[in-house]
PDB file of N, CA and C in Angstrom:
ATOM      1  N   UNK A   1     -17.018  20.218   6.750  1.00  0.00           N
ATOM      2  CA  UNK A   1     -15.587  19.938   6.777  1.00  0.00           C
ATOM      3  C   UNK A   1     -14.991  20.246   5.406  1.00  0.00           C
ATOM      4  N   UNK A   2     -13.851  20.920   5.372  1.00  0.00           N
ATOM      5  CA  UNK A   2     -13.196  21.228   4.105  1.00  0.00           C
ATOM      6  C   UNK A   2     -12.256  20.087   3.734  1.00  0.00           C
ATOM      7  N   UNK A   3     -12.154  19.853   2.458  1.00  0.00           N
ATOM      8  CA  UNK A   3     -11.272  18.809   1.950  1.00  0.00           C
ATOM      9  C   UNK A   3     -10.210  19.456   1.085  1.00  0.00           C
ATOM     10  N   UNK A   4      -8.982  19.057   1.290  1.00  0.00           N
ATOM     11  CA  UNK A   4      -7.900  19.553   0.447  1.00  0.00           C
ATOM     12  C   UNK A   4      -7.799  18.651  -0.773  1.00  0.00           C
ATOM     13  N   UNK A   5      -7.734  19.219  -1.930  1.00  0.00           N
ATOM     14  CA  UNK A   5      -7.640  18.483  -3.190  1.00  0.00           C
ATOM     15  C   UNK A   5      -8.791  17.493  -3.349  1.00  0.00           C
ATOM     16  N   UNK A   6      -9.922  17.763  -2.701  1.00  0.00           N
ATOM     17  CA  UNK A   6     -11.086  16.901  -2.838  1.00  0.00           C
ATOM     18  C   UNK A   6     -10.919  15.534  -2.221  1.00  0.00           C
ATOM     19  N   UNK A   7      -9.920  15.344  -1.392  1.00  0.00           N
ATOM     20  CA  UNK A   7      -9.659  14.021  -0.832  1.00  0.00           C
ATOM     21  C   UNK A   7      -9.713  14.056   0.687  1.00  0.00           C
ATOM     22  N   UNK A   8     -10.756  13.503   1.245  1.00  0.00           N
ATOM     23  CA  UNK A   8     -10.883  13.440   2.700  1.00  0.00           C
ATOM     24  C   UNK A   8      -9.826  12.523   3.292  1.00  0.00           C
ATOM     25  N   UNK A   9      -9.547  11.401   2.629  1.00  0.00           N
ATOM     26  CA  UNK A   9      -8.596  10.443   3.179  1.00  0.00           C
ATOM     27  C   UNK A   9      -7.182  11.016   3.249  1.00  0.00           C
ATOM     28  N   UNK A  10      -6.792  11.818   2.259  1.00  0.00           N
ATOM     29  CA  UNK A  10      -5.458  12.417   2.281  1.00  0.00           C
ATOM     30  C   UNK A  10      -5.327  13.367   3.464  1.00  0.00           C
ATOM     31  N   UNK A  11      -6.362  14.149   3.701  1.00  0.00           N
ATOM     32  CA  UNK A  11      -6.334  15.078   4.826  1.00  0.00           C
ATOM     33  C   UNK A  11      -6.337  14.324   6.149  1.00  0.00           C
ATOM     34  N   UNK A  12      -7.155  13.311   6.232  1.00  0.00           N
ATOM     35  CA  UNK A  12      -7.269  12.542   7.459  1.00  0.00           C
ATOM     36  C   UNK A  12      -5.944  11.852   7.782  1.00  0.00           C
ATOM     37  N   UNK A  13      -5.264  11.288   6.792  1.00  0.00           N
ATOM     38  CA  UNK A  13      -4.003  10.608   7.066  1.00  0.00           C
ATOM     39  C   UNK A  13      -2.943  11.590   7.558  1.00  0.00           C
ATOM     40  N   UNK A  14      -2.980  12.824   7.048  1.00  0.00           N
ATOM     41  CA  UNK A  14      -2.036  13.836   7.514  1.00  0.00           C
ATOM     42  C   UNK A  14      -2.301  14.173   8.977  1.00  0.00           C
ATOM     43  N   UNK A  15      -3.555  14.277   9.336  1.00  0.00           N
ATOM     44  CA  UNK A  15      -3.902  14.611  10.712  1.00  0.00           C
ATOM     45  C   UNK A  15      -3.586  13.481  11.682  1.00  0.00           C
ATOM     46  N   UNK A  16      -3.620  12.249  11.217  1.00  0.00           N
ATOM     47  CA  UNK A  16      -3.419  11.097  12.088  1.00  0.00           C
ATOM     48  C   UNK A  16      -1.978  10.576  12.086  1.00  0.00           C
ATOM     49  N   UNK A  17      -1.046  11.311  11.517  1.00  0.00           N
ATOM     50  CA  UNK A  17       0.343  10.869  11.469  1.00  0.00           C
ATOM     51  C   UNK A  17       1.016  11.118  12.816  1.00  0.00           C
ATOM     52  N   UNK A  18       1.730  10.123  13.311  1.00  0.00           N
ATOM     53  CA  UNK A  18       2.381  10.213  14.618  1.00  0.00           C
ATOM     54  C   UNK A  18       3.825   9.762  14.488  1.00  0.00           C
ATOM     55  N   UNK A  19       4.769  10.615  14.888  1.00  0.00           N
ATOM     56  CA  UNK A  19       6.202  10.307  14.804  1.00  0.00           C
ATOM     57  C   UNK A  19       6.651   9.555  16.047  1.00  0.00           C
ATOM     58  N   UNK A  20       7.356   8.451  15.848  1.00  0.00           N
ATOM     59  CA  UNK A  20       7.884   7.652  16.959  1.00  0.00           C
ATOM     60  C   UNK A  20       9.386   7.872  17.036  1.00  0.00           C
ATOM     61  N   UNK A  21       9.843   8.433  18.151  1.00  0.00           N
ATOM     62  CA  UNK A  21      11.269   8.725  18.309  1.00  0.00           C
ATOM     63  C   UNK A  21      12.024   7.509  18.848  1.00  0.00           C
ATOM     64  N   UNK A  22      13.347   7.629  18.918  1.00  0.00           N
ATOM     65  CA  UNK A  22      14.210   6.523  19.323  1.00  0.00           C
ATOM     66  C   UNK A  22      13.889   6.022  20.727  1.00  0.00           C
ATOM     67  N   UNK A  23      13.563   6.927  21.637  1.00  0.00           N
ATOM     68  CA  UNK A  23      13.233   6.521  23.002  1.00  0.00           C
ATOM     69  C   UNK A  23      12.007   5.621  23.058  1.00  0.00           C
ATOM     70  N   UNK A  24      10.978   5.980  22.297  1.00  0.00           N
ATOM     71  CA  UNK A  24       9.764   5.155  22.263  1.00  0.00           C
ATOM     72  C   UNK A  24      10.017   3.829  21.555  1.00  0.00           C
ATOM     73  N   UNK A  25      10.831   3.860  20.514  1.00  0.00           N
ATOM     74  CA  UNK A  25      11.169   2.613  19.815  1.00  0.00           C
ATOM     75  C   UNK A  25      11.897   1.680  20.767  1.00  0.00           C
ATOM     76  N   UNK A  26      12.879   2.208  21.484  1.00  0.00           N
ATOM     77  CA  UNK A  26      13.636   1.386  22.421  1.00  0.00           C
ATOM     78  C   UNK A  26      12.724   0.845  23.522  1.00  0.00           C
ATOM     79  N   UNK A  27      11.855   1.686  24.039  1.00  0.00           N
ATOM     80  CA  UNK A  27      10.908   1.249  25.077  1.00  0.00           C
ATOM     81  C   UNK A  27      10.024   0.120  24.536  1.00  0.00           C
ATOM     82  N   UNK A  28       9.559   0.263  23.301  1.00  0.00           N
ATOM     83  CA  UNK A  28       8.737  -0.771  22.675  1.00  0.00           C
ATOM     84  C   UNK A  28       9.522  -2.077  22.537  1.00  0.00           C
ATOM     85  N   UNK A  29      10.775  -1.987  22.102  1.00  0.00           N
ATOM     86  CA  UNK A  29      11.560  -3.192  21.823  1.00  0.00           C
ATOM     87  C   UNK A  29      12.018  -3.930  23.071  1.00  0.00           C
ATOM     88  N   UNK A  30      12.384  -3.204  24.143  1.00  0.00           N
ATOM     89  CA  UNK A  30      12.943  -3.896  25.311  1.00  0.00           C
ATOM     90  C   UNK A  30      12.193  -3.628  26.605  1.00  0.00           C
ATOM     91  N   UNK A  31      11.239  -2.721  26.577  1.00  0.00           N
ATOM     92  CA  UNK A  31      10.509  -2.382  27.793  1.00  0.00           C
ATOM     93  C   UNK A  31       9.309  -3.278  28.007  1.00  0.00           C
ATOM     94  N   UNK A  32       8.569  -2.934  29.026  1.00  0.00           N
ATOM     95  CA  UNK A  32       7.346  -3.686  29.322  1.00  0.00           C
ATOM     96  C   UNK A  32       6.183  -2.706  29.470  1.00  0.00           C
ATOM     97  N   UNK A  33       5.984  -1.921  28.418  1.00  0.00           N
ATOM     98  CA  UNK A  33       4.924  -0.924  28.398  1.00  0.00           C
ATOM     99  C   UNK A  33       3.767  -1.464  27.555  1.00  0.00           C
ATOM    100  N   UNK A  34       2.802  -2.090  28.220  1.00  0.00           N
ATOM    101  CA  UNK A  34       1.688  -2.715  27.514  1.00  0.00           C
ATOM    102  C   UNK A  34       0.884  -1.724  26.682  1.00  0.00           C
ATOM    103  N   UNK A  35       0.750  -0.502  27.184  1.00  0.00           N
ATOM    104  CA  UNK A  35      -0.015   0.513  26.459  1.00  0.00           C
ATOM    105  C   UNK A  35       0.672   0.858  25.135  1.00  0.00           C
ATOM    106  N   UNK A  36       1.986   1.062  25.177  1.00  0.00           N
ATOM    107  CA  UNK A  36       2.740   1.367  23.962  1.00  0.00           C
ATOM    108  C   UNK A  36       2.694   0.183  22.991  1.00  0.00           C
ATOM    109  N   UNK A  37       2.855  -1.029  23.518  1.00  0.00           N
ATOM    110  CA  UNK A  37       2.771  -2.231  22.678  1.00  0.00           C
ATOM    111  C   UNK A  37       1.431  -2.288  21.945  1.00  0.00           C
ATOM    112  N   UNK A  38       0.357  -2.049  22.675  1.00  0.00           N
ATOM    113  CA  UNK A  38      -0.992  -2.107  22.097  1.00  0.00           C
ATOM    114  C   UNK A  38      -1.179  -1.038  21.030  1.00  0.00           C
ATOM    115  N   UNK A  39      -0.699   0.175  21.307  1.00  0.00           N
ATOM    116  CA  UNK A  39      -0.856   1.265  20.345  1.00  0.00           C
ATOM    117  C   UNK A  39      -0.121   0.939  19.043  1.00  0.00           C
ATOM    118  N   UNK A  40       1.097   0.428  19.135  1.00  0.00           N
ATOM    119  CA  UNK A  40       1.876   0.145  17.927  1.00  0.00           C
ATOM    120  C   UNK A  40       1.371  -1.112  17.220  1.00  0.00           C
ATOM    121  N   UNK A  41       1.081  -2.160  17.956  1.00  0.00           N
ATOM    122  CA  UNK A  41       0.678  -3.425  17.329  1.00  0.00           C
ATOM    123  C   UNK A  41      -0.762  -3.392  16.831  1.00  0.00           C
ATOM    124  N   UNK A  42      -1.686  -2.911  17.651  1.00  0.00           N
ATOM    125  CA  UNK A  42      -3.115  -2.949  17.300  1.00  0.00           C
ATOM    126  C   UNK A  42      -3.600  -1.684  16.614  1.00  0.00           C
ATOM    127  N   UNK A  43      -2.945  -0.563  16.870  1.00  0.00           N
ATOM    128  CA  UNK A  43      -3.292   0.727  16.288  1.00  0.00           C
ATOM    129  C   UNK A  43      -4.790   1.018  16.416  1.00  0.00           C
ATOM    130  N   UNK A  44      -5.311   1.072  17.646  1.00  0.00           N
ATOM    131  CA  UNK A  44      -6.754   1.256  17.833  1.00  0.00           C
ATOM    132  C   UNK A  44      -7.288   2.596  17.330  1.00  0.00           C
ATOM    133  N   UNK A  45      -6.453   3.616  17.226  1.00  0.00           N
ATOM    134  CA  UNK A  45      -6.899   4.933  16.756  1.00  0.00           C
ATOM    135  C   UNK A  45      -6.658   5.147  15.269  1.00  0.00           C
ATOM    136  N   UNK A  46      -6.200   4.096  14.592  1.00  0.00           N
ATOM    137  CA  UNK A  46      -5.971   4.152  13.139  1.00  0.00           C
ATOM    138  C   UNK A  46      -5.045   5.292  12.739  1.00  0.00           C
ATOM    139  N   UNK A  47      -3.969   5.456  13.506  1.00  0.00           N
ATOM    140  CA  UNK A  47      -2.980   6.477  13.194  1.00  0.00           C
ATOM    141  C   UNK A  47      -1.971   5.927  12.201  1.00  0.00           C
ATOM    142  N   UNK A  48      -1.293   6.823  11.519  1.00  0.00           N
ATOM    143  CA  UNK A  48      -0.190   6.435  10.639  1.00  0.00           C
ATOM    144  C   UNK A  48       1.089   6.713  11.415  1.00  0.00           C
ATOM    145  N   UNK A  49       1.809   5.665  11.750  1.00  0.00           N
ATOM    146  CA  UNK A  49       3.045   5.805  12.502  1.00  0.00           C
ATOM    147  C   UNK A  49       4.218   5.937  11.541  1.00  0.00           C
ATOM    148  N   UNK A  50       5.107   6.887  11.845  1.00  0.00           N
ATOM    149  CA  UNK A  50       6.305   7.096  11.033  1.00  0.00           C
ATOM    150  C   UNK A  50       7.503   7.292  11.958  1.00  0.00           C
ATOM    151  N   UNK A  51       8.661   6.949  11.440  1.00  0.00           N
ATOM    152  CA  UNK A  51       9.925   7.223  12.115  1.00  0.00           C
ATOM    153  C   UNK A  51      10.978   7.373  11.032  1.00  0.00           C
ATOM    154  N   UNK A  52      12.219   7.564  11.438  1.00  0.00           N
ATOM    155  CA  UNK A  52      13.310   7.655  10.459  1.00  0.00           C
ATOM    156  C   UNK A  52      14.298   6.527  10.701  1.00  0.00           C
ATOM    157  N   UNK A  53      15.101   6.262   9.703  1.00  0.00           N
ATOM    158  CA  UNK A  53      16.136   5.257   9.859  1.00  0.00           C
ATOM    159  C   UNK A  53      17.124   5.666  10.959  1.00  0.00           C
ATOM    160  N   UNK A  54      17.325   6.968  11.129  1.00  0.00           N
ATOM    161  CA  UNK A  54      18.207   7.478  12.184  1.00  0.00           C
ATOM    162  C   UNK A  54      17.682   7.100  13.570  1.00  0.00           C
ATOM    163  N   UNK A  55      16.390   7.319  13.810  1.00  0.00           N
ATOM    164  CA  UNK A  55      15.781   6.982  15.103  1.00  0.00           C
ATOM    165  C   UNK A  55      15.861   5.475  15.346  1.00  0.00           C
ATOM    166  N   UNK A  56      15.591   4.704  14.316  1.00  0.00           N
ATOM    167  CA  UNK A  56      15.643   3.246  14.428  1.00  0.00           C
ATOM    168  C   UNK A  56      17.063   2.771  14.717  1.00  0.00           C
ATOM    169  N   UNK A  57      18.035   3.356  14.046  1.00  0.00           N
ATOM    170  CA  UNK A  57      19.450   3.046  14.263  1.00  0.00           C
ATOM    171  C   UNK A  57      19.852   3.331  15.710  1.00  0.00           C
ATOM    172  N   UNK A  58      19.450   4.468  16.227  1.00  0.00           N
ATOM    173  CA  UNK A  58      19.778   4.817  17.613  1.00  0.00           C
ATOM    174  C   UNK A  58      19.111   3.856  18.598  1.00  0.00           C
ATOM    175  N   UNK A  59      17.858   3.504  18.347  1.00  0.00           N
ATOM    176  CA  UNK A  59      17.160   2.592  19.253  1.00  0.00           C
ATOM    177  C   UNK A  59      17.785   1.198  19.239  1.00  0.00           C
ATOM    178  N   UNK A  60      17.988   0.642  18.070  1.00  0.00           N
ATOM    179  CA  UNK A  60      18.558  -0.711  17.962  1.00  0.00           C
ATOM    180  C   UNK A  60      19.990  -0.723  18.478  1.00  0.00           C
ATOM    181  N   UNK A  61      20.740   0.337  18.202  1.00  0.00           N
ATOM    182  CA  UNK A  61      22.117   0.421  18.684  1.00  0.00           C
ATOM    183  C   UNK A  61      22.226   0.586  20.184  1.00  0.00           C
ATOM    184  N   UNK A  62      21.118   0.902  20.842  1.00  0.00           N
ATOM    185  CA  UNK A  62      21.113   1.085  22.295  1.00  0.00           C
ATOM    186  C   UNK A  62      20.705  -0.171  23.049  1.00  0.00           C
ATOM    187  N   UNK A  63      20.385  -1.233  22.329  1.00  0.00           N
ATOM    188  CA  UNK A  63      20.023  -2.497  22.980  1.00  0.00           C
ATOM    189  C   UNK A  63      21.294  -3.164  23.496  1.00  0.00           C
ATOM    190  N   UNK A  64      21.251  -3.588  24.740  1.00  0.00           N
ATOM    191  CA  UNK A  64      22.396  -4.258  25.363  1.00  0.00           C
ATOM    192  C   UNK A  64      22.189  -5.778  25.335  1.00  0.00           C
ATOM    193  N   UNK A  65      23.285  -6.534  25.512  1.00  0.00           N
ATOM    194  CA  UNK A  65      23.231  -7.999  25.495  1.00  0.00           C
ATOM    195  C   UNK A  65      22.237  -8.556  26.492  1.00  0.00           C
ATOM    196  N   UNK A  66      22.137  -7.929  27.639  1.00  0.00           N
ATOM    197  CA  UNK A  66      21.307  -8.452  28.721  1.00  0.00           C
ATOM    198  C   UNK A  66      19.837  -8.035  28.618  1.00  0.00           C
ATOM    199  N   UNK A  67      19.481  -7.228  27.618  1.00  0.00           N
ATOM    200  CA  UNK A  67      18.090  -6.799  27.458  1.00  0.00           C
ATOM    201  C   UNK A  67      17.229  -7.950  26.937  1.00  0.00           C
ATOM    202  N   UNK A  68      15.972  -7.896  27.279  1.00  0.00           N
ATOM    203  CA  UNK A  68      15.005  -8.869  26.786  1.00  0.00           C
ATOM    204  C   UNK A  68      14.474  -8.359  25.447  1.00  0.00           C
ATOM    205  N   UNK A  69      15.181  -8.668  24.383  1.00  0.00           N
ATOM    206  CA  UNK A  69      14.829  -8.200  23.047  1.00  0.00           C
ATOM    207  C   UNK A  69      14.266  -9.353  22.237  1.00  0.00           C
ATOM    208  N   UNK A  70      13.063  -9.162  21.715  1.00  0.00           N
ATOM    209  CA  UNK A  70      12.421 -10.194  20.907  1.00  0.00           C
ATOM    210  C   UNK A  70      12.363  -9.718  19.463  1.00  0.00           C
ATOM    211  N   UNK A  71      12.952 -10.482  18.582  1.00  0.00           N
ATOM    212  CA  UNK A  71      13.027 -10.127  17.169  1.00  0.00           C
ATOM    213  C   UNK A  71      11.637  -9.979  16.543  1.00  0.00           C
ATOM    214  N   UNK A  72      10.673 -10.760  17.028  1.00  0.00           N
ATOM    215  CA  UNK A  72       9.326 -10.659  16.451  1.00  0.00           C
ATOM    216  C   UNK A  72       8.693  -9.288  16.712  1.00  0.00           C
ATOM    217  N   UNK A  73       9.074  -8.612  17.801  1.00  0.00           N
ATOM    218  CA  UNK A  73       8.564  -7.254  18.055  1.00  0.00           C
ATOM    219  C   UNK A  73       9.113  -6.278  17.022  1.00  0.00           C
ATOM    220  N   UNK A  74      10.360  -6.480  16.617  1.00  0.00           N
ATOM    221  CA  UNK A  74      10.946  -5.629  15.582  1.00  0.00           C
ATOM    222  C   UNK A  74      10.231  -5.866  14.253  1.00  0.00           C
ATOM    223  N   UNK A  75       9.945  -7.115  13.939  1.00  0.00           N
ATOM    224  CA  UNK A  75       9.220  -7.432  12.706  1.00  0.00           C
ATOM    225  C   UNK A  75       7.844  -6.770  12.713  1.00  0.00           C
ATOM    226  N   UNK A  76       7.143  -6.834  13.836  1.00  0.00           N
ATOM    227  CA  UNK A  76       5.822  -6.214  13.964  1.00  0.00           C
ATOM    228  C   UNK A  76       5.930  -4.693  13.821  1.00  0.00           C
ATOM    229  N   UNK A  77       7.013  -4.135  14.347  1.00  0.00           N
ATOM    230  CA  UNK A  77       7.251  -2.695  14.222  1.00  0.00           C
ATOM    231  C   UNK A  77       7.313  -2.301  12.743  1.00  0.00           C
ATOM    232  N   UNK A  78       8.072  -3.088  11.952  1.00  0.00           N
ATOM    233  CA  UNK A  78       8.201  -2.789  10.524  1.00  0.00           C
ATOM    234  C   UNK A  78       6.873  -2.946   9.780  1.00  0.00           C
ATOM    235  N   UNK A  79       6.002  -3.814  10.260  1.00  0.00           N
ATOM    236  CA  UNK A  79       4.686  -3.986   9.638  1.00  0.00           C
ATOM    237  C   UNK A  79       3.809  -2.753   9.841  1.00  0.00           C
ATOM    238  N   UNK A  80       3.980  -2.065  10.968  1.00  0.00           N
ATOM    239  CA  UNK A  80       3.053  -1.012  11.355  1.00  0.00           C
ATOM    240  C   UNK A  80       3.598   0.406  11.319  1.00  0.00           C
ATOM    241  N   UNK A  81       4.895   0.559  11.074  1.00  0.00           N
ATOM    242  CA  UNK A  81       5.515   1.890  11.108  1.00  0.00           C
ATOM    243  C   UNK A  81       6.266   2.142   9.798  1.00  0.00           C
ATOM    244  N   UNK A  82       5.982   3.275   9.181  1.00  0.00           N
ATOM    245  CA  UNK A  82       6.706   3.673   7.972  1.00  0.00           C
ATOM    246  C   UNK A  82       8.050   4.268   8.387  1.00  0.00           C
ATOM    247  N   UNK A  83       9.107   3.847   7.722  1.00  0.00           N
ATOM    248  CA  UNK A  83      10.455   4.330   8.040  1.00  0.00           C
ATOM    249  C   UNK A  83      10.944   5.208   6.891  1.00  0.00           C
ATOM    250  N   UNK A  84      11.249   6.451   7.221  1.00  0.00           N
ATOM    251  CA  UNK A  84      11.760   7.401   6.239  1.00  0.00           C
ATOM    252  C   UNK A  84      13.274   7.525   6.394  1.00  0.00           C
ATOM    253  N   UNK A  85      13.924   7.882   5.327  1.00  0.00           N
ATOM    254  CA  UNK A  85      15.381   8.035   5.342  1.00  0.00           C
ATOM    255  C   UNK A  85      15.748   9.495   5.565  1.00  0.00           C
ATOM    256  N   UNK A  86      16.751   9.710   6.418  1.00  0.00           N
ATOM    257  CA  UNK A  86      17.299  11.051   6.591  1.00  0.00           C
ATOM    258  C   UNK A  86      18.627  11.113   5.850  1.00  0.00           C
ATOM    259  N   UNK A  87      18.920  12.269   5.292  1.00  0.00           N
ATOM    260  CA  UNK A  87      20.100  12.416   4.449  1.00  0.00           C
ATOM    261  C   UNK A  87      21.397  12.362   5.252  1.00  0.00           C
ATOM    262  N   UNK A  88      21.455  13.104   6.334  1.00  0.00           N
ATOM    263  CA  UNK A  88      22.690  13.177   7.109  1.00  0.00           C
ATOM    264  C   UNK A  88      22.509  12.416   8.424  1.00  0.00           C
ATOM    265  N   UNK A  89      23.339  11.422   8.622  1.00  0.00           N
ATOM    266  CA  UNK A  89      23.231  10.567   9.797  1.00  0.00           C
ATOM    267  C   UNK A  89      24.107  11.084  10.930  1.00  0.00           C
ATOM    268  N   UNK A  90      23.627  10.899  12.148  1.00  0.00           N
ATOM    269  CA  UNK A  90      24.391  11.247  13.345  1.00  0.00           C
ATOM    270  C   UNK A  90      24.939   9.963  13.935  1.00  0.00           C
ATOM    271  N   UNK A  91      26.235   9.962  14.264  1.00  0.00           N
ATOM    272  CA  UNK A  91      26.844   8.780  14.859  1.00  0.00           C
ATOM    273  C   UNK A  91      26.250   8.499  16.230  1.00  0.00           C
ATOM    274  N   UNK A  92      26.133   7.240  16.549  1.00  0.00           N
ATOM    275  CA  UNK A  92      25.615   6.817  17.847  1.00  0.00           C
ATOM    276  C   UNK A  92      26.773   6.783  18.837  1.00  0.00           C
ATOM    277  N   UNK A  93      26.687   7.595  19.872  1.00  0.00           N
ATOM    278  CA  UNK A  93      27.730   7.646  20.892  1.00  0.00           C
ATOM    279  C   UNK A  93      27.215   7.010  22.179  1.00  0.00           C
ATOM    280  N   UNK A  94      28.116   6.694  23.060  1.00  0.00           N
ATOM    281  CA  UNK A  94      27.724   6.102  24.347  1.00  0.00           C
ATOM    282  C   UNK A  94      26.839   7.060  25.135  1.00  0.00           C
ATOM    283  N   UNK A  95      27.078   8.342  25.010  1.00  0.00           N
ATOM    284  CA  UNK A  95      26.246   9.336  25.689  1.00  0.00           C
ATOM    285  C   UNK A  95      24.803   9.271  25.177  1.00  0.00           C
ATOM    286  N   UNK A  96      24.626   9.166  23.875  1.00  0.00           N
ATOM    287  CA  UNK A  96      23.292   9.045  23.297  1.00  0.00           C
ATOM    288  C   UNK A  96      22.627   7.765  23.776  1.00  0.00           C
ATOM    289  N   UNK A  97      23.388   6.674  23.787  1.00  0.00           N
ATOM    290  CA  UNK A  97      22.859   5.382  24.248  1.00  0.00           C
ATOM    291  C   UNK A  97      22.355   5.484  25.685  1.00  0.00           C
ATOM    292  N   UNK A  98      23.157   6.044  26.548  1.00  0.00           N
ATOM    293  CA  UNK A  98      22.769   6.151  27.957  1.00  0.00           C
ATOM    294  C   UNK A  98      21.538   7.044  28.137  1.00  0.00           C
ATOM    295  N   UNK A  99      21.485   8.155  27.408  1.00  0.00           N
ATOM    296  CA  UNK A  99      20.318   9.041  27.496  1.00  0.00           C
ATOM    297  C   UNK A  99      19.049   8.357  26.996  1.00  0.00           C
ATOM    298  N   UNK A 100      19.171   7.628  25.879  1.00  0.00           N
ATOM    299  CA  UNK A 100      18.009   6.911  25.346  1.00  0.00           C
ATOM    300  C   UNK A 100      17.525   5.828  26.300  1.00  0.00           C
ATOM    301  N   UNK A 101      18.465   5.078  26.852  1.00  0.00           N
ATOM    302  CA  UNK A 101      18.087   4.002  27.777  1.00  0.00           C
ATOM    303  C   UNK A 101      17.427   4.574  29.030  1.00  0.00           C
ATOM    304  N   UNK A 102      17.961   5.677  29.507  1.00  0.00           N
ATOM    305  CA  UNK A 102      17.382   6.305  30.694  1.00  0.00           C
ATOM    306  C   UNK A 102      15.955   6.772  30.406  1.00  0.00           C
ATOM    307  N   UNK A 103      15.759   7.397  29.267  1.00  0.00           N
ATOM    308  CA  UNK A 103      14.424   7.871  28.873  1.00  0.00           C
ATOM    309  C   UNK A 103      13.463   6.701  28.644  1.00  0.00           C
ATOM    310  N   UNK A 104      13.918   5.696  27.927  1.00  0.00           N
ATOM    311  CA  UNK A 104      13.044   4.575  27.552  1.00  0.00           C
ATOM    312  C   UNK A 104      12.662   3.695  28.719  1.00  0.00           C
ATOM    313  N   UNK A 105      13.549   3.572  29.689  1.00  0.00           N
ATOM    314  CA  UNK A 105      13.311   2.618  30.770  1.00  0.00           C
ATOM    315  C   UNK A 105      12.885   3.269  32.086  1.00  0.00           C
ATOM    316  N   UNK A 106      12.661   4.574  32.083  1.00  0.00           N
ATOM    317  CA  UNK A 106      12.204   5.198  33.321  1.00  0.00           C
ATOM    318  C   UNK A 106      10.789   4.703  33.641  1.00  0.00           C
ATOM    319  N   UNK A 107      10.490   4.618  34.912  1.00  0.00           N
ATOM    320  CA  UNK A 107       9.193   4.126  35.390  1.00  0.00           C
ATOM    321  C   UNK A 107       8.936   2.671  35.022  1.00  0.00           C
ATOM    322  N   UNK A 108       9.962   1.883  34.825  1.00  0.00           N
ATOM    323  CA  UNK A 108       9.776   0.463  34.487  1.00  0.00           C
ATOM    324  C   UNK A 108      10.315  -0.410  35.578  1.00  0.00           C
TER     325      UNK A 108
END
């Protein structure tokens, strides 16, 4: 196996990085997907989870009053997922909200 810069761990962390988009974040926060919950909370494959503040903003902004949202799941999300900042933000529109909710809650 080749190592970049003599560091196996640096290479391994790059290979194990997984981006979580707004739809998956929303599904995690208000859905009932046990598999997704386990992957994010327990991280059995030792992946490095990353997202952006934009994705998080869209997911949280798509939560409705009647959703079953538990604040402790959001806290656990922050423990296990690195959040990167994007320079230019996109406004959250009702169309985006509806598309995210449809994607996140399908098959539930």
